[in-house]
Amino acid sequence: EEEESAEVYFRISIALETVDLADKDIISGHLCKTIGSGRMEWGGRRGESELERNLRNARVSFLTEDEQRESDSGESRDATPDVLLDEPIMVHGKRVHWIDSNTGFIIPGVSSAGEIQSYRTKAEKYIRLFGPGAFFWPKSGFCEGFLHDIDGLINIAPSSSSSPTEFPPFSQELR
């Protein structure tokens, strides 16, 4: 009975510490999409801005998410990756038509099934509409094997020798 009480106390103290620290967790805390969303959105916009800057510096032409929404082509724009490339490029030897920057940190087996499913749904929709693409994880990287079963999706992160938002090496071999 004493051992059971110690276990209960331990679990309660972990739960209380988790709640206490959650609003400080800007990567995956339970409040980061509610009270802390300003920080989460700021991080997302910063990653998108850096992605766009690096693509422009490399003279890659693309439409931003806002430009896609404003498009008068008559196409449905309910799916808008952060950048939709005018022409595909090669990233790590894979042909890419779009890139979506993500600031979350997903751990299969730990992150919620709903959160993982939302990334899966987004990737599958983008691939269906635009062709192969990439999720770019500038802030925290990604777990090896995350969504590896989706044909047409690659996960990319900054190399350890680059700045956190530096886009990985790519070429426009398909031009």
Protein backbone atom coordinates (compact mmCIF):
# COMPACT_ATOMS: atom_id res chain seq x y z
CA GLU A 1 0.00 0.00 0.00
CA GLU A 2 2.87 2.37 0.76
CA GLU A 3 4.45 1.57 -2.62
CA GLU A 4 1.11 2.30 -4.34
CA SER A 5 0.85 5.67 -2.52
CA ALA A 6 4.36 6.62 -3.64
CA GLU A 7 3.44 5.75 -7.25
CA VAL A 8 0.25 7.85 -7.05
CA TYR A 9 2.19 10.77 -5.55
CA PHE A 10 4.83 10.48 -8.29
CA ARG A 11 2.19 10.48 -11.06
CA ILE A 12 0.37 13.44 -9.56
CA SER A 13 3.59 15.46 -9.23
CA ILE A 14 4.53 14.70 -12.87
CA ALA A 15 1.05 15.78 -14.00
CA LEU A 16 1.24 19.02 -12.01
CA GLU A 17 4.70 19.85 -13.37
CA THR A 18 3.50 19.11 -16.91
CA VAL A 19 0.58 21.51 -16.53
CA ASP A 20 2.84 24.12 -14.94
CA LEU A 21 5.38 23.98 -17.77
CA ALA A 22 3.02 23.46 -20.72
CA ASP A 23 2.55 27.15 -21.50
CA LYS A 24 6.33 27.52 -21.72
CA ASP A 25 6.62 24.65 -24.24
CA ILE A 26 6.52 26.43 -27.59
CA ILE A 27 7.20 23.25 -29.55
CA SER A 28 4.43 20.90 -28.51
CA GLY A 29 2.83 22.07 -25.25
CA HIS A 30 -0.92 21.55 -24.96
CA LEU A 31 -1.49 25.31 -24.91
CA CYS A 32 0.65 26.23 -27.92
CA LYS A 33 -2.38 26.27 -30.23
CA THR A 34 -4.58 28.17 -27.79
CA ILE A 35 -3.06 30.66 -25.34
CA GLY A 36 0.46 30.33 -26.76
CA SER A 37 -0.59 30.38 -30.41
CA GLY A 38 0.98 33.78 -30.97
CA ARG A 39 4.41 32.28 -30.32
CA MET A 40 3.62 29.20 -32.40
CA GLU A 41 2.30 31.28 -35.30
CA TRP A 42 5.30 33.63 -35.07
CA GLY A 43 7.66 30.65 -35.30
CA GLY A 44 5.73 29.30 -38.28
CA ARG A 45 5.80 32.62 -40.11
CA ARG A 46 9.49 32.97 -39.38
CA GLY A 47 10.19 29.54 -40.87
CA GLU A 48 8.08 30.37 -43.94
CA SER A 49 9.87 33.72 -44.39
CA GLU A 50 13.29 32.08 -44.19
CA LEU A 51 12.22 29.39 -46.65
CA GLU A 52 10.96 32.04 -49.09
CA ARG A 53 14.13 34.14 -48.67
CA ASN A 54 16.40 31.19 -49.37
CA LEU A 55 14.41 30.16 -52.44
CA ARG A 56 14.46 33.74 -53.78
CA ASN A 57 18.21 33.95 -53.18
CA ALA A 58 18.57 30.80 -55.28
CA ARG A 59 16.39 32.39 -57.99
CA VAL A 60 13.66 29.77 -57.65
CA SER A 61 10.25 31.13 -58.66
CA PHE A 62 7.18 30.17 -56.63
CA LEU A 63 3.85 31.32 -55.29
CA THR A 64 3.51 32.02 -51.57
CA GLU A 65 0.50 30.77 -49.65
CA ASP A 66 -1.14 34.23 -49.91
CA GLU A 67 -0.45 34.44 -53.65
CA GLN A 68 -2.03 31.02 -54.16
CA ARG A 69 -5.18 32.17 -52.36
CA GLU A 70 -5.33 35.32 -54.51
CA SER A 71 -4.88 33.37 -57.73
CA ASP A 72 -7.58 34.12 -60.27
CA SER A 73 -7.06 30.86 -62.15
CA GLY A 74 -10.42 29.58 -60.97
CA GLU A 75 -8.86 26.60 -59.20
CA SER A 76 -9.88 25.71 -55.69
CA ARG A 77 -7.33 27.07 -53.22
CA ASP A 78 -8.44 25.33 -50.06
CA ALA A 79 -5.07 23.57 -50.04
CA THR A 80 -2.13 25.96 -50.01
CA PRO A 81 1.37 24.76 -49.17
CA ASP A 82 3.72 27.48 -47.94
CA VAL A 83 5.39 27.58 -51.36
CA LEU A 84 4.11 26.19 -54.64
CA LEU A 85 7.01 26.08 -57.08
CA ASP A 86 6.51 27.37 -60.63
CA GLU A 87 8.73 24.54 -61.83
CA PRO A 88 9.79 21.45 -59.87
CA ILE A 89 13.22 21.35 -58.25
CA MET A 90 15.35 18.51 -56.94
CA VAL A 91 15.78 18.27 -53.17
CA HIS A 92 18.05 15.48 -51.92
CA GLY A 93 17.62 13.75 -55.29
CA LYS A 94 13.81 13.89 -55.19
CA ARG A 95 11.55 15.95 -57.45
CA VAL A 96 9.56 18.51 -55.46
CA HIS A 97 6.64 20.71 -56.60
CA TRP A 98 5.78 22.26 -53.23
CA ILE A 99 7.30 22.80 -49.77
CA ASP A 100 5.46 23.25 -46.49
CA SER A 101 7.37 24.52 -43.46
CA ASN A 102 6.34 23.02 -40.10
CA THR A 103 7.37 24.10 -36.61
CA GLY A 104 5.91 21.24 -34.60
CA PHE A 105 7.79 18.24 -33.33
CA ILE A 106 6.12 14.92 -34.04
CA ILE A 107 7.21 11.71 -32.35
CA PRO A 108 5.43 8.61 -33.68
CA GLY A 109 4.10 6.60 -30.77
CA VAL A 110 4.15 9.65 -28.49
CA SER A 111 2.40 12.46 -30.39
CA SER A 112 -1.37 12.23 -30.62
CA ALA A 113 -2.85 10.12 -33.39
CA GLY A 114 -4.95 13.13 -34.44
CA GLU A 115 -1.89 15.35 -34.86
CA ILE A 116 -0.09 12.72 -36.92
CA GLN A 117 -3.22 12.15 -39.02
CA SER A 118 -3.52 15.87 -39.74
CA TYR A 119 0.00 15.91 -41.24
CA ARG A 120 -0.80 12.75 -43.21
CA THR A 121 -4.04 14.24 -44.56
CA LYS A 122 -2.28 17.49 -45.51
CA ALA A 123 0.56 15.66 -47.30
CA GLU A 124 -1.78 13.37 -49.22
CA LYS A 125 -3.95 16.30 -50.31
CA TYR A 126 -0.96 18.35 -51.51
CA ILE A 127 0.46 15.37 -53.40
CA ARG A 128 -2.90 14.67 -55.05
CA LEU A 129 -3.28 18.31 -56.12
CA PHE A 130 0.29 19.38 -56.88
CA GLY A 131 2.52 16.30 -57.16
CA PRO A 132 5.47 15.26 -54.97
CA GLY A 133 6.62 17.67 -52.29
CA ALA A 134 8.41 18.18 -49.01
CA PHE A 135 7.72 18.99 -45.40
CA PHE A 136 10.49 21.27 -44.14
CA TRP A 137 11.17 21.19 -40.37
CA PRO A 138 13.41 24.24 -39.70
CA LYS A 139 12.98 24.41 -35.94
CA SER A 140 13.16 20.93 -34.54
CA GLY A 141 13.84 18.45 -37.32
CA PHE A 142 11.74 15.31 -37.60
CA CYS A 143 11.78 11.72 -36.42
CA GLU A 144 13.28 9.27 -38.90
CA GLY A 145 10.51 7.41 -40.62
CA PHE A 146 7.78 10.00 -39.98
CA LEU A 147 5.21 9.52 -42.78
CA HIS A 148 7.83 7.52 -44.72
CA ASP A 149 5.05 5.40 -46.21
CA ILE A 150 3.60 8.29 -48.22
CA ASP A 151 4.85 8.06 -51.80
CA GLY A 152 5.76 11.54 -53.02
CA LEU A 153 6.65 13.10 -49.65
CA ILE A 154 10.08 13.78 -48.23
CA ASN A 155 10.89 15.30 -44.85
CA ILE A 156 13.80 17.72 -44.81
CA ALA A 157 15.55 19.60 -42.03
CA PRO A 158 18.51 21.94 -41.82
CA SER A 159 21.84 20.17 -41.78
CA SER A 160 23.77 20.29 -38.54
CA SER A 161 26.28 22.65 -40.17
CA SER A 162 23.66 25.17 -41.32
CA SER A 163 21.63 27.75 -39.50
CA PRO A 164 18.27 26.49 -38.19
CA THR A 165 16.35 28.03 -41.09
CA GLU A 166 18.79 27.48 -43.93
CA PHE A 167 17.19 25.54 -46.72
CA PRO A 168 19.02 22.30 -47.59
CA PRO A 169 21.00 22.01 -50.83
CA PHE A 170 18.84 21.73 -53.91
CA SER A 171 19.08 22.12 -57.64
CA GLN A 172 16.80 22.90 -60.52
CA GLU A 173 17.86 19.89 -62.56
CA LEU A 174 14.41 19.58 -64.13
CA ARG A 175 14.46 22.94 -65.91
